[in-house]
Full PDB file with SEQRES, HELIX, SHEET, SSBOND, CRYST1, ORIGX, SCALE, CONECT and MASTER records, all heavy atoms in Angstrom:
SEQRES   1 A   42  ASP ARG ASP VAL LEU PRO HIS LEU LYS ASN ALA CYS GLY          
SEQRES   2 A   42  PRO GLN LEU PRO LYS LEU THR VAL VAL GLU ALA ASP ALA          
SEQRES   3 A   42  LEU SER VAL ASP TYR SER ALA LEU ALA ALA SER LEU GLY          
SEQRES   4 A   42  GLY LYS LEU                                                  
HELIX    1 AA1 ARG A    2  VAL A    4  5                                   3    
HELIX    2 AA2 LEU A    5  CYS A   12  1                                   8    
HELIX    3 AA3 GLY A   13  LYS A   18  5                                   6    
HELIX    4 AA4 ALA A   26  SER A   28  5                                   3    
HELIX    5 AA5 TYR A   31  LEU A   38  1                                   8    
CRYST1    1.000    1.000    1.000  90.00  90.00  90.00 P 1           1          
ORIGX1      1.000000  0.000000  0.000000        0.00000                         
ORIGX2      0.000000  1.000000  0.000000        0.00000                         
ORIGX3      0.000000  0.000000  1.000000        0.00000                         
SCALE1      1.000000  0.000000  0.000000        0.00000                         
SCALE2      0.000000  1.000000  0.000000        0.00000                         
SCALE3      0.000000  0.000000  1.000000        0.00000                         
ATOM      1  N   ASP A   1      -6.647  -1.618 -19.939  1.00  0.00           N  
ATOM      2  CA  ASP A   1      -6.740  -2.976 -20.281  1.00  0.00           C  
ATOM      3  C   ASP A   1      -7.758  -3.712 -19.401  1.00  0.00           C  
ATOM      4  O   ASP A   1      -7.502  -3.987 -18.192  1.00  0.00           O  
ATOM      5  CB  ASP A   1      -5.420  -3.588 -20.114  1.00  0.00           C  
ATOM      6  CG  ASP A   1      -5.373  -5.165 -20.434  1.00  0.00           C  
ATOM      7  OD1 ASP A   1      -6.438  -5.594 -20.940  1.00  0.00           O  
ATOM      8  OD2 ASP A   1      -4.353  -5.669 -20.340  1.00  0.00           O  
ATOM      9  N   ARG A   2      -8.985  -4.004 -19.937  1.00  0.00           N  
ATOM     10  CA  ARG A   2      -9.934  -4.604 -19.022  1.00  0.00           C  
ATOM     11  C   ARG A   2      -9.595  -6.027 -18.514  1.00  0.00           C  
ATOM     12  O   ARG A   2     -10.071  -6.497 -17.543  1.00  0.00           O  
ATOM     13  CB  ARG A   2     -11.263  -4.743 -19.799  1.00  0.00           C  
ATOM     14  CG  ARG A   2     -12.055  -3.392 -20.273  1.00  0.00           C  
ATOM     15  CD  ARG A   2     -13.308  -3.514 -21.047  1.00  0.00           C  
ATOM     16  NE  ARG A   2     -13.896  -2.268 -21.291  1.00  0.00           N  
ATOM     17  CZ  ARG A   2     -15.048  -2.196 -21.888  1.00  0.00           C  
ATOM     18  NH1 ARG A   2     -15.632  -3.283 -22.279  1.00  0.00           N  
ATOM     19  NH2 ARG A   2     -15.589  -1.032 -22.112  1.00  0.00           N  
ATOM     20  N   ASP A   3      -8.680  -6.623 -19.281  1.00  0.00           N  
ATOM     21  CA  ASP A   3      -8.305  -7.964 -19.018  1.00  0.00           C  
ATOM     22  C   ASP A   3      -7.554  -8.028 -17.491  1.00  0.00           C  
ATOM     23  O   ASP A   3      -7.530  -9.135 -16.911  1.00  0.00           O  
ATOM     24  CB  ASP A   3      -7.490  -8.714 -20.059  1.00  0.00           C  
ATOM     25  CG  ASP A   3      -8.295  -8.960 -21.282  1.00  0.00           C  
ATOM     26  OD1 ASP A   3      -9.587  -8.935 -21.168  1.00  0.00           O  
ATOM     27  OD2 ASP A   3      -7.690  -9.137 -22.408  1.00  0.00           O  
ATOM     28  N   VAL A   4      -6.824  -6.909 -17.141  1.00  0.00           N  
ATOM     29  CA  VAL A   4      -6.070  -7.049 -15.927  1.00  0.00           C  
ATOM     30  C   VAL A   4      -7.078  -6.719 -14.765  1.00  0.00           C  
ATOM     31  O   VAL A   4      -6.755  -7.031 -13.511  1.00  0.00           O  
ATOM     32  CB  VAL A   4      -5.003  -6.054 -15.855  1.00  0.00           C  
ATOM     33  CG1 VAL A   4      -4.110  -6.281 -17.058  1.00  0.00           C  
ATOM     34  CG2 VAL A   4      -5.457  -4.560 -15.813  1.00  0.00           C  
ATOM     35  N   LEU A   5      -8.282  -6.247 -14.992  1.00  0.00           N  
ATOM     36  CA  LEU A   5      -9.080  -5.767 -13.799  1.00  0.00           C  
ATOM     37  C   LEU A   5      -9.472  -6.834 -12.819  1.00  0.00           C  
ATOM     38  O   LEU A   5      -9.423  -6.636 -11.577  1.00  0.00           O  
ATOM     39  CB  LEU A   5     -10.266  -4.972 -14.457  1.00  0.00           C  
ATOM     40  CG  LEU A   5     -10.008  -3.615 -15.007  1.00  0.00           C  
ATOM     41  CD1 LEU A   5     -11.323  -2.979 -15.591  1.00  0.00           C  
ATOM     42  CD2 LEU A   5      -9.308  -2.705 -14.189  1.00  0.00           C  
ATOM     43  N   PRO A   6      -9.786  -8.073 -13.357  1.00  0.00           N  
ATOM     44  CA  PRO A   6     -10.114  -9.121 -12.374  1.00  0.00           C  
ATOM     45  C   PRO A   6      -8.997  -9.502 -11.501  1.00  0.00           C  
ATOM     46  O   PRO A   6      -9.125  -9.706 -10.374  1.00  0.00           O  
ATOM     47  CB  PRO A   6     -10.526 -10.324 -13.303  1.00  0.00           C  
ATOM     48  CG  PRO A   6     -11.092  -9.681 -14.611  1.00  0.00           C  
ATOM     49  CD  PRO A   6     -10.127  -8.537 -14.766  1.00  0.00           C  
ATOM     50  N   HIS A   7      -7.705  -9.376 -12.103  1.00  0.00           N  
ATOM     51  CA  HIS A   7      -6.526  -9.783 -11.300  1.00  0.00           C  
ATOM     52  C   HIS A   7      -6.262  -8.605 -10.396  1.00  0.00           C  
ATOM     53  O   HIS A   7      -5.786  -8.977  -9.089  1.00  0.00           O  
ATOM     54  CB  HIS A   7      -5.356  -9.867 -12.257  1.00  0.00           C  
ATOM     55  CG  HIS A   7      -5.587 -10.986 -13.288  1.00  0.00           C  
ATOM     56  ND1 HIS A   7      -5.290 -12.269 -13.002  1.00  0.00           N  
ATOM     57  CD2 HIS A   7      -5.913 -10.828 -14.574  1.00  0.00           C  
ATOM     58  CE1 HIS A   7      -5.438 -13.035 -14.196  1.00  0.00           C  
ATOM     59  NE2 HIS A   7      -5.820 -12.090 -15.081  1.00  0.00           N  
ATOM     60  N   LEU A   8      -6.382  -7.425 -10.780  1.00  0.00           N  
ATOM     61  CA  LEU A   8      -6.279  -6.282  -9.861  1.00  0.00           C  
ATOM     62  C   LEU A   8      -7.222  -6.280  -8.704  1.00  0.00           C  
ATOM     63  O   LEU A   8      -6.792  -6.146  -7.514  1.00  0.00           O  
ATOM     64  CB  LEU A   8      -6.354  -4.934 -10.700  1.00  0.00           C  
ATOM     65  CG  LEU A   8      -6.407  -3.629  -9.974  1.00  0.00           C  
ATOM     66  CD1 LEU A   8      -4.923  -3.371  -9.385  1.00  0.00           C  
ATOM     67  CD2 LEU A   8      -6.821  -2.424 -10.781  1.00  0.00           C  
ATOM     68  N   LYS A   9      -8.419  -6.545  -8.976  1.00  0.00           N  
ATOM     69  CA  LYS A   9      -9.432  -6.470  -7.930  1.00  0.00           C  
ATOM     70  C   LYS A   9      -9.375  -7.649  -7.004  1.00  0.00           C  
ATOM     71  O   LYS A   9      -9.430  -7.496  -5.785  1.00  0.00           O  
ATOM     72  CB  LYS A   9     -10.862  -6.520  -8.453  1.00  0.00           C  
ATOM     73  CG  LYS A   9     -11.288  -5.332  -9.281  1.00  0.00           C  
ATOM     74  CD  LYS A   9     -12.648  -5.381  -9.961  1.00  0.00           C  
ATOM     75  CE  LYS A   9     -13.043  -4.098 -10.719  1.00  0.00           C  
ATOM     76  NZ  LYS A   9     -14.357  -4.231 -11.410  1.00  0.00           N  
ATOM     77  N   ASN A  10      -8.869  -8.868  -7.531  1.00  0.00           N  
ATOM     78  CA  ASN A  10      -8.599  -9.940  -6.602  1.00  0.00           C  
ATOM     79  C   ASN A  10      -7.380  -9.641  -5.608  1.00  0.00           C  
ATOM     80  O   ASN A  10      -7.377  -9.985  -4.584  1.00  0.00           O  
ATOM     81  CB  ASN A  10      -8.290 -11.225  -7.553  1.00  0.00           C  
ATOM     82  CG  ASN A  10      -8.001 -12.400  -6.760  1.00  0.00           C  
ATOM     83  OD1 ASN A  10      -8.839 -12.877  -6.001  1.00  0.00           O  
ATOM     84  ND2 ASN A  10      -6.736 -12.968  -6.858  1.00  0.00           N  
ATOM     85  N   ALA A  11      -6.413  -8.959  -6.391  1.00  0.00           N  
ATOM     86  CA  ALA A  11      -5.232  -8.674  -5.516  1.00  0.00           C  
ATOM     87  C   ALA A  11      -5.558  -7.749  -4.361  1.00  0.00           C  
ATOM     88  O   ALA A  11      -4.836  -7.675  -3.258  1.00  0.00           O  
ATOM     89  CB  ALA A  11      -4.169  -8.005  -6.456  1.00  0.00           C  
ATOM     90  N   CYS A  12      -6.507  -6.847  -4.582  1.00  0.00           N  
ATOM     91  CA  CYS A  12      -6.879  -5.891  -3.502  1.00  0.00           C  
ATOM     92  C   CYS A  12      -7.594  -6.528  -2.320  1.00  0.00           C  
ATOM     93  O   CYS A  12      -7.573  -5.933  -1.257  1.00  0.00           O  
ATOM     94  CB  CYS A  12      -7.754  -4.738  -4.059  1.00  0.00           C  
ATOM     95  SG  CYS A  12      -6.933  -3.640  -5.086  1.00  0.00           S  
ATOM     96  N   GLY A  13      -8.176  -7.708  -2.585  1.00  0.00           N  
ATOM     97  CA  GLY A  13      -8.762  -8.451  -1.518  1.00  0.00           C  
ATOM     98  C   GLY A  13      -9.664  -7.495  -0.679  1.00  0.00           C  
ATOM     99  O   GLY A  13     -10.567  -6.929  -1.130  1.00  0.00           O  
ATOM    100  N   PRO A  14      -9.517  -7.588   0.657  1.00  0.00           N  
ATOM    101  CA  PRO A  14     -10.520  -6.824   1.490  1.00  0.00           C  
ATOM    102  C   PRO A  14     -10.382  -5.298   1.474  1.00  0.00           C  
ATOM    103  O   PRO A  14     -11.255  -4.560   1.921  1.00  0.00           O  
ATOM    104  CB  PRO A  14     -10.021  -7.222   2.943  1.00  0.00           C  
ATOM    105  CG  PRO A  14      -8.572  -7.678   2.804  1.00  0.00           C  
ATOM    106  CD  PRO A  14      -8.560  -8.263   1.440  1.00  0.00           C  
ATOM    107  N   GLN A  15      -9.444  -4.863   0.658  1.00  0.00           N  
ATOM    108  CA  GLN A  15      -9.286  -3.404   0.490  1.00  0.00           C  
ATOM    109  C   GLN A  15     -10.053  -2.938  -0.695  1.00  0.00           C  
ATOM    110  O   GLN A  15     -10.104  -1.745  -0.974  1.00  0.00           O  
ATOM    111  CB  GLN A  15      -7.752  -3.025   0.342  1.00  0.00           C  
ATOM    112  CG  GLN A  15      -6.891  -3.471   1.261  1.00  0.00           C  
ATOM    113  CD  GLN A  15      -7.015  -2.656   2.584  1.00  0.00           C  
ATOM    114  OE1 GLN A  15      -7.624  -1.533   2.580  1.00  0.00           O  
ATOM    115  NE2 GLN A  15      -6.385  -3.034   3.614  1.00  0.00           N  
ATOM    116  N   LEU A  16     -10.645  -3.880  -1.415  1.00  0.00           N  
ATOM    117  CA  LEU A  16     -11.410  -3.445  -2.696  1.00  0.00           C  
ATOM    118  C   LEU A  16     -12.439  -2.443  -2.630  1.00  0.00           C  
ATOM    119  O   LEU A  16     -12.540  -1.649  -3.605  1.00  0.00           O  
ATOM    120  CB  LEU A  16     -12.086  -4.879  -3.303  1.00  0.00           C  
ATOM    121  CG  LEU A  16     -12.707  -4.680  -4.665  1.00  0.00           C  
ATOM    122  CD1 LEU A  16     -11.797  -4.132  -5.798  1.00  0.00           C  
ATOM    123  CD2 LEU A  16     -13.370  -6.002  -5.127  1.00  0.00           C  
ATOM    124  N   PRO A  17     -13.225  -2.385  -1.432  1.00  0.00           N  
ATOM    125  CA  PRO A  17     -14.175  -1.220  -1.427  1.00  0.00           C  
ATOM    126  C   PRO A  17     -13.517   0.183  -1.452  1.00  0.00           C  
ATOM    127  O   PRO A  17     -14.205   1.061  -1.786  1.00  0.00           O  
ATOM    128  CB  PRO A  17     -14.842  -1.478  -0.019  1.00  0.00           C  
ATOM    129  CG  PRO A  17     -14.767  -2.921   0.175  1.00  0.00           C  
ATOM    130  CD  PRO A  17     -13.426  -3.270  -0.477  1.00  0.00           C  
ATOM    131  N   LYS A  18     -12.294   0.297  -1.257  1.00  0.00           N  
ATOM    132  CA  LYS A  18     -11.635   1.596  -1.213  1.00  0.00           C  
ATOM    133  C   LYS A  18     -11.149   1.916  -2.664  1.00  0.00           C  
ATOM    134  O   LYS A  18     -10.592   3.024  -2.822  1.00  0.00           O  
ATOM    135  CB  LYS A  18     -10.380   1.522  -0.300  1.00  0.00           C  
ATOM    136  CG  LYS A  18     -10.814   1.266   1.128  1.00  0.00           C  
ATOM    137  CD  LYS A  18      -9.699   0.660   2.000  1.00  0.00           C  
ATOM    138  CE  LYS A  18      -8.504   1.753   2.081  1.00  0.00           C  
ATOM    139  NZ  LYS A  18      -7.445   1.240   3.115  1.00  0.00           N  
ATOM    140  N   LEU A  19     -11.327   1.002  -3.595  1.00  0.00           N  
ATOM    141  CA  LEU A  19     -10.765   1.190  -4.978  1.00  0.00           C  
ATOM    142  C   LEU A  19     -11.833   1.683  -5.941  1.00  0.00           C  
ATOM    143  O   LEU A  19     -13.019   1.210  -5.922  1.00  0.00           O  
ATOM    144  CB  LEU A  19     -10.247  -0.109  -5.488  1.00  0.00           C  
ATOM    145  CG  LEU A  19      -9.508  -0.060  -6.922  1.00  0.00           C  
ATOM    146  CD1 LEU A  19      -8.244   0.620  -6.648  1.00  0.00           C  
ATOM    147  CD2 LEU A  19      -9.346  -1.466  -7.478  1.00  0.00           C  
ATOM    148  N   THR A  20     -11.586   2.732  -6.708  1.00  0.00           N  
ATOM    149  CA  THR A  20     -12.448   3.249  -7.674  1.00  0.00           C  
ATOM    150  C   THR A  20     -11.670   3.077  -9.097  1.00  0.00           C  
ATOM    151  O   THR A  20     -10.532   3.615  -9.186  1.00  0.00           O  
ATOM    152  CB  THR A  20     -12.718   4.662  -7.511  1.00  0.00           C  
ATOM    153  OG1 THR A  20     -13.404   4.829  -6.299  1.00  0.00           O  
ATOM    154  CG2 THR A  20     -13.656   5.169  -8.635  1.00  0.00           C  
ATOM    155  N   VAL A  21     -12.289   2.359  -9.946  1.00  0.00           N  
ATOM    156  CA  VAL A  21     -11.634   2.081 -11.301  1.00  0.00           C  
ATOM    157  C   VAL A  21     -12.321   3.017 -12.324  1.00  0.00           C  
ATOM    158  O   VAL A  21     -13.416   3.014 -12.594  1.00  0.00           O  
ATOM    159  CB  VAL A  21     -11.794   0.590 -11.641  1.00  0.00           C  
ATOM    160  CG1 VAL A  21     -11.169   0.377 -13.112  1.00  0.00           C  
ATOM    161  CG2 VAL A  21     -11.126  -0.248 -10.624  1.00  0.00           C  
ATOM    162  N   VAL A  22     -11.441   3.771 -13.031  1.00  0.00           N  
ATOM    163  CA  VAL A  22     -11.748   4.438 -14.259  1.00  0.00           C  
ATOM    164  C   VAL A  22     -11.202   3.733 -15.376  1.00  0.00           C  
ATOM    165  O   VAL A  22     -10.032   3.705 -15.702  1.00  0.00           O  
ATOM    166  CB  VAL A  22     -11.246   5.885 -14.218  1.00  0.00           C  
ATOM    167  CG1 VAL A  22     -11.587   6.689 -15.472  1.00  0.00           C  
ATOM    168  CG2 VAL A  22     -11.733   6.616 -12.989  1.00  0.00           C  
ATOM    169  N   GLU A  23     -12.156   3.105 -16.254  1.00  0.00           N  
ATOM    170  CA  GLU A  23     -11.766   2.320 -17.394  1.00  0.00           C  
ATOM    171  C   GLU A  23     -11.561   3.293 -18.623  1.00  0.00           C  
ATOM    172  O   GLU A  23     -12.570   3.698 -19.203  1.00  0.00           O  
ATOM    173  CB  GLU A  23     -12.865   1.235 -17.769  1.00  0.00           C  
ATOM    174  CG  GLU A  23     -12.826   0.122 -16.586  1.00  0.00           C  
ATOM    175  CD  GLU A  23     -13.780  -0.949 -17.067  1.00  0.00           C  
ATOM    176  OE1 GLU A  23     -13.873  -1.276 -18.319  1.00  0.00           O  
ATOM    177  OE2 GLU A  23     -14.496  -1.537 -16.205  1.00  0.00           O  
ATOM    178  N   ALA A  24     -10.394   3.729 -18.809  1.00  0.00           N  
ATOM    179  CA  ALA A  24     -10.190   4.805 -19.926  1.00  0.00           C  
ATOM    180  C   ALA A  24      -8.675   4.779 -20.313  1.00  0.00           C  
ATOM    181  O   ALA A  24      -7.924   4.412 -19.554  1.00  0.00           O  
ATOM    182  CB  ALA A  24     -10.548   6.122 -19.427  1.00  0.00           C  
ATOM    183  N   ASP A  25      -8.395   5.368 -21.366  1.00  0.00           N  
ATOM    184  CA  ASP A  25      -7.092   5.678 -21.787  1.00  0.00           C  
ATOM    185  C   ASP A  25      -6.657   6.844 -21.070  1.00  0.00           C  
ATOM    186  O   ASP A  25      -7.361   7.906 -21.044  1.00  0.00           O  
ATOM    187  CB  ASP A  25      -7.226   6.016 -23.383  1.00  0.00           C  
ATOM    188  CG  ASP A  25      -5.820   6.287 -24.000  1.00  0.00           C  
ATOM    189  OD1 ASP A  25      -4.859   6.478 -23.200  1.00  0.00           O  
ATOM    190  OD2 ASP A  25      -5.818   6.262 -25.251  1.00  0.00           O  
ATOM    191  N   ALA A  26      -5.520   6.687 -20.380  1.00  0.00           N  
ATOM    192  CA  ALA A  26      -4.982   7.846 -19.595  1.00  0.00           C  
ATOM    193  C   ALA A  26      -4.833   9.114 -20.394  1.00  0.00           C  
ATOM    194  O   ALA A  26      -4.709  10.126 -19.728  1.00  0.00           O  
ATOM    195  CB  ALA A  26      -3.605   7.432 -19.004  1.00  0.00           C  
ATOM    196  N   LEU A  27      -4.649   8.945 -21.690  1.00  0.00           N  
ATOM    197  CA  LEU A  27      -4.433  10.247 -22.509  1.00  0.00           C  
ATOM    198  C   LEU A  27      -5.799  11.042 -22.751  1.00  0.00           C  
ATOM    199  O   LEU A  27      -5.718  12.115 -23.154  1.00  0.00           O  
ATOM    200  CB  LEU A  27      -3.898   9.828 -23.908  1.00  0.00           C  
ATOM    201  CG  LEU A  27      -2.420   9.399 -23.925  1.00  0.00           C  
ATOM    202  CD1 LEU A  27      -2.008   8.575 -25.318  1.00  0.00           C  
ATOM    203  CD2 LEU A  27      -1.446  10.520 -23.551  1.00  0.00           C  
ATOM    204  N   SER A  28      -6.874  10.270 -22.410  1.00  0.00           N  
ATOM    205  CA  SER A  28      -8.142  11.011 -22.697  1.00  0.00           C  
ATOM    206  C   SER A  28      -8.844  11.423 -21.362  1.00  0.00           C  
ATOM    207  O   SER A  28      -9.834  12.112 -21.469  1.00  0.00           O  
ATOM    208  CB  SER A  28      -9.085   9.978 -23.415  1.00  0.00           C  
ATOM    209  OG  SER A  28      -9.437   8.868 -22.484  1.00  0.00           O  
ATOM    210  N   VAL A  29      -8.238  11.119 -20.213  1.00  0.00           N  
ATOM    211  CA  VAL A  29      -8.766  11.537 -19.005  1.00  0.00           C  
ATOM    212  C   VAL A  29      -8.806  12.979 -18.751  1.00  0.00           C  
ATOM    213  O   VAL A  29      -7.630  13.606 -18.902  1.00  0.00           O  
ATOM    214  CB  VAL A  29      -8.186  10.765 -17.762  1.00  0.00           C  
ATOM    215  CG1 VAL A  29      -8.814  11.169 -16.477  1.00  0.00           C  
ATOM    216  CG2 VAL A  29      -8.435   9.298 -18.042  1.00  0.00           C  
ATOM    217  N   ASP A  30      -9.716  13.629 -18.227  1.00  0.00           N  
ATOM    218  CA  ASP A  30      -9.702  15.057 -17.773  1.00  0.00           C  
ATOM    219  C   ASP A  30      -9.394  15.108 -16.267  1.00  0.00           C  
ATOM    220  O   ASP A  30     -10.202  14.847 -15.523  1.00  0.00           O  
ATOM    221  CB  ASP A  30     -11.129  15.641 -18.002  1.00  0.00           C  
ATOM    222  CG  ASP A  30     -11.235  17.153 -17.643  1.00  0.00           C  
ATOM    223  OD1 ASP A  30     -10.342  17.582 -16.966  1.00  0.00           O  
ATOM    224  OD2 ASP A  30     -12.129  17.961 -18.154  1.00  0.00           O  
ATOM    225  N   TYR A  31      -8.095  15.220 -16.047  1.00  0.00           N  
ATOM    226  CA  TYR A  31      -7.580  15.242 -14.680  1.00  0.00           C  
ATOM    227  C   TYR A  31      -8.053  16.444 -13.834  1.00  0.00           C  
ATOM    228  O   TYR A  31      -8.179  16.311 -12.679  1.00  0.00           O  
ATOM    229  CB  TYR A  31      -6.094  15.084 -14.729  1.00  0.00           C  
ATOM    230  CG  TYR A  31      -5.646  13.748 -15.257  1.00  0.00           C  
ATOM    231  CD1 TYR A  31      -5.374  13.629 -16.591  1.00  0.00           C  
ATOM    232  CD2 TYR A  31      -5.526  12.567 -14.506  1.00  0.00           C  
ATOM    233  CE1 TYR A  31      -4.958  12.407 -17.141  1.00  0.00           C  
ATOM    234  CE2 TYR A  31      -5.253  11.368 -14.995  1.00  0.00           C  
ATOM    235  CZ  TYR A  31      -4.921  11.293 -16.381  1.00  0.00           C  
ATOM    236  OH  TYR A  31      -4.586  10.124 -17.018  1.00  0.00           O  
ATOM    237  N   SER A  32      -8.471  17.514 -14.402  1.00  0.00           N  
ATOM    238  CA  SER A  32      -8.918  18.592 -13.832  1.00  0.00           C  
ATOM    239  C   SER A  32     -10.306  18.306 -13.215  1.00  0.00           C  
ATOM    240  O   SER A  32     -10.749  18.620 -12.098  1.00  0.00           O  
ATOM    241  CB  SER A  32      -8.978  19.786 -14.749  1.00  0.00           C  
ATOM    242  OG  SER A  32      -7.646  20.255 -15.109  1.00  0.00           O  
ATOM    243  N   ALA A  33     -11.171  17.695 -14.052  1.00  0.00           N  
ATOM    244  CA  ALA A  33     -12.453  17.271 -13.655  1.00  0.00           C  
ATOM    245  C   ALA A  33     -12.384  16.230 -12.555  1.00  0.00           C  
ATOM    246  O   ALA A  33     -13.231  16.186 -11.649  1.00  0.00           O  
ATOM    247  CB  ALA A  33     -13.283  16.861 -14.891  1.00  0.00           C  
ATOM    248  N   LEU A  34     -11.456  15.262 -12.782  1.00  0.00           N  
ATOM    249  CA  LEU A  34     -11.374  14.237 -11.732  1.00  0.00           C  
ATOM    250  C   LEU A  34     -10.849  14.801 -10.393  1.00  0.00           C  
ATOM    251  O   LEU A  34     -11.492  14.590  -9.346  1.00  0.00           O  
ATOM    252  CB  LEU A  34     -10.327  13.205 -12.244  1.00  0.00           C  
ATOM    253  CG  LEU A  34      -9.963  11.972 -11.296  1.00  0.00           C  
ATOM    254  CD1 LEU A  34     -11.247  11.237 -11.028  1.00  0.00           C  
ATOM    255  CD2 LEU A  34      -8.976  11.172 -12.038  1.00  0.00           C  
ATOM    256  N   ALA A  35      -9.980  15.865 -10.420  1.00  0.00           N  
ATOM    257  CA  ALA A  35      -9.574  16.562  -9.240  1.00  0.00           C  
ATOM    258  C   ALA A  35     -10.815  17.166  -8.481  1.00  0.00           C  
ATOM    259  O   ALA A  35     -11.011  17.211  -7.341  1.00  0.00           O  
ATOM    260  CB  ALA A  35      -8.469  17.508  -9.473  1.00  0.00           C  
ATOM    261  N   ALA A  36     -11.708  17.916  -9.380  1.00  0.00           N  
ATOM    262  CA  ALA A  36     -12.802  18.589  -8.777  1.00  0.00           C  
ATOM    263  C   ALA A  36     -13.760  17.561  -8.118  1.00  0.00           C  
ATOM    264  O   ALA A  36     -14.428  17.810  -7.114  1.00  0.00           O  
ATOM    265  CB  ALA A  36     -13.489  19.298  -9.930  1.00  0.00           C  
ATOM    266  N   SER A  37     -13.947  16.447  -8.777  1.00  0.00           N  
ATOM    267  CA  SER A  37     -14.835  15.359  -8.259  1.00  0.00           C  
ATOM    268  C   SER A  37     -14.440  14.772  -6.924  1.00  0.00           C  
ATOM    269  O   SER A  37     -15.117  14.443  -6.102  1.00  0.00           O  
ATOM    270  CB  SER A  37     -15.134  14.233  -9.391  1.00  0.00           C  
ATOM    271  OG  SER A  37     -13.919  13.506  -9.487  1.00  0.00           O  
ATOM    272  N   LEU A  38     -12.993  14.771  -6.810  1.00  0.00           N  
ATOM    273  CA  LEU A  38     -12.324  14.206  -5.593  1.00  0.00           C  
ATOM    274  C   LEU A  38     -12.127  15.315  -4.400  1.00  0.00           C  
ATOM    275  O   LEU A  38     -11.788  14.886  -3.352  1.00  0.00           O  
ATOM    276  CB  LEU A  38     -11.061  13.520  -5.911  1.00  0.00           C  
ATOM    277  CG  LEU A  38     -11.134  12.259  -6.862  1.00  0.00           C  
ATOM    278  CD1 LEU A  38      -9.822  11.759  -7.106  1.00  0.00           C  
ATOM    279  CD2 LEU A  38     -12.029  11.225  -6.017  1.00  0.00           C  
ATOM    280  N   GLY A  39     -12.491  16.537  -4.856  1.00  0.00           N  
ATOM    281  CA  GLY A  39     -12.327  17.539  -3.827  1.00  0.00           C  
ATOM    282  C   GLY A  39     -10.939  18.272  -3.633  1.00  0.00           C  
ATOM    283  O   GLY A  39     -10.857  18.889  -2.479  1.00  0.00           O  
ATOM    284  N   GLY A  40     -10.106  18.095  -4.542  1.00  0.00           N  
ATOM    285  CA  GLY A  40      -8.802  18.702  -4.377  1.00  0.00           C  
ATOM    286  C   GLY A  40      -7.674  18.232  -5.290  1.00  0.00           C  
ATOM    287  O   GLY A  40      -7.948  17.397  -6.213  1.00  0.00           O  
ATOM    288  N   LYS A  41      -6.554  18.802  -5.136  1.00  0.00           N  
ATOM    289  CA  LYS A  41      -5.474  18.486  -6.039  1.00  0.00           C  
ATOM    290  C   LYS A  41      -5.038  16.888  -5.966  1.00  0.00           C  
ATOM    291  O   LYS A  41      -5.309  16.302  -4.884  1.00  0.00           O  
ATOM    292  CB  LYS A  41      -4.273  19.301  -5.780  1.00  0.00           C  
ATOM    293  CG  LYS A  41      -4.328  20.761  -6.250  1.00  0.00           C  
ATOM    294  CD  LYS A  41      -3.084  21.595  -6.166  1.00  0.00           C  
ATOM    295  CE  LYS A  41      -3.250  22.945  -6.804  1.00  0.00           C  
ATOM    296  NZ  LYS A  41      -1.967  23.678  -6.896  1.00  0.00           N  
ATOM    297  N   LEU A  42      -4.641  16.455  -7.168  1.00  0.00           N  
ATOM    298  CA  LEU A  42      -4.328  14.946  -7.219  1.00  0.00           C  
ATOM    299  C   LEU A  42      -2.808  14.661  -7.032  1.00  0.00           C  
ATOM    300  O   LEU A  42      -2.053  15.509  -7.247  1.00  0.00           O  
ATOM    301  CB  LEU A  42      -4.676  14.465  -8.571  1.00  0.00           C  
ATOM    302  CG  LEU A  42      -6.055  14.751  -9.083  1.00  0.00           C  
ATOM    303  CD1 LEU A  42      -6.263  14.251 -10.600  1.00  0.00           C  
ATOM    304  CD2 LEU A  42      -7.133  14.064  -8.163  1.00  0.00           C  
TER     305      LEU A  42                                                      
MASTER        0    0    0    5    0    0    0    6  304    1    0    4          
END                                                                             
């Protein structure tokens, strides 16, 4: 839901640089590839 992202980012405040947003349907995400990109198990 793109509409919640401004609220989410605003809520994170000074912590926002630590946040990475993947705009996608959770059912379509390749979690194995995501784990590989992050360097370990999720």
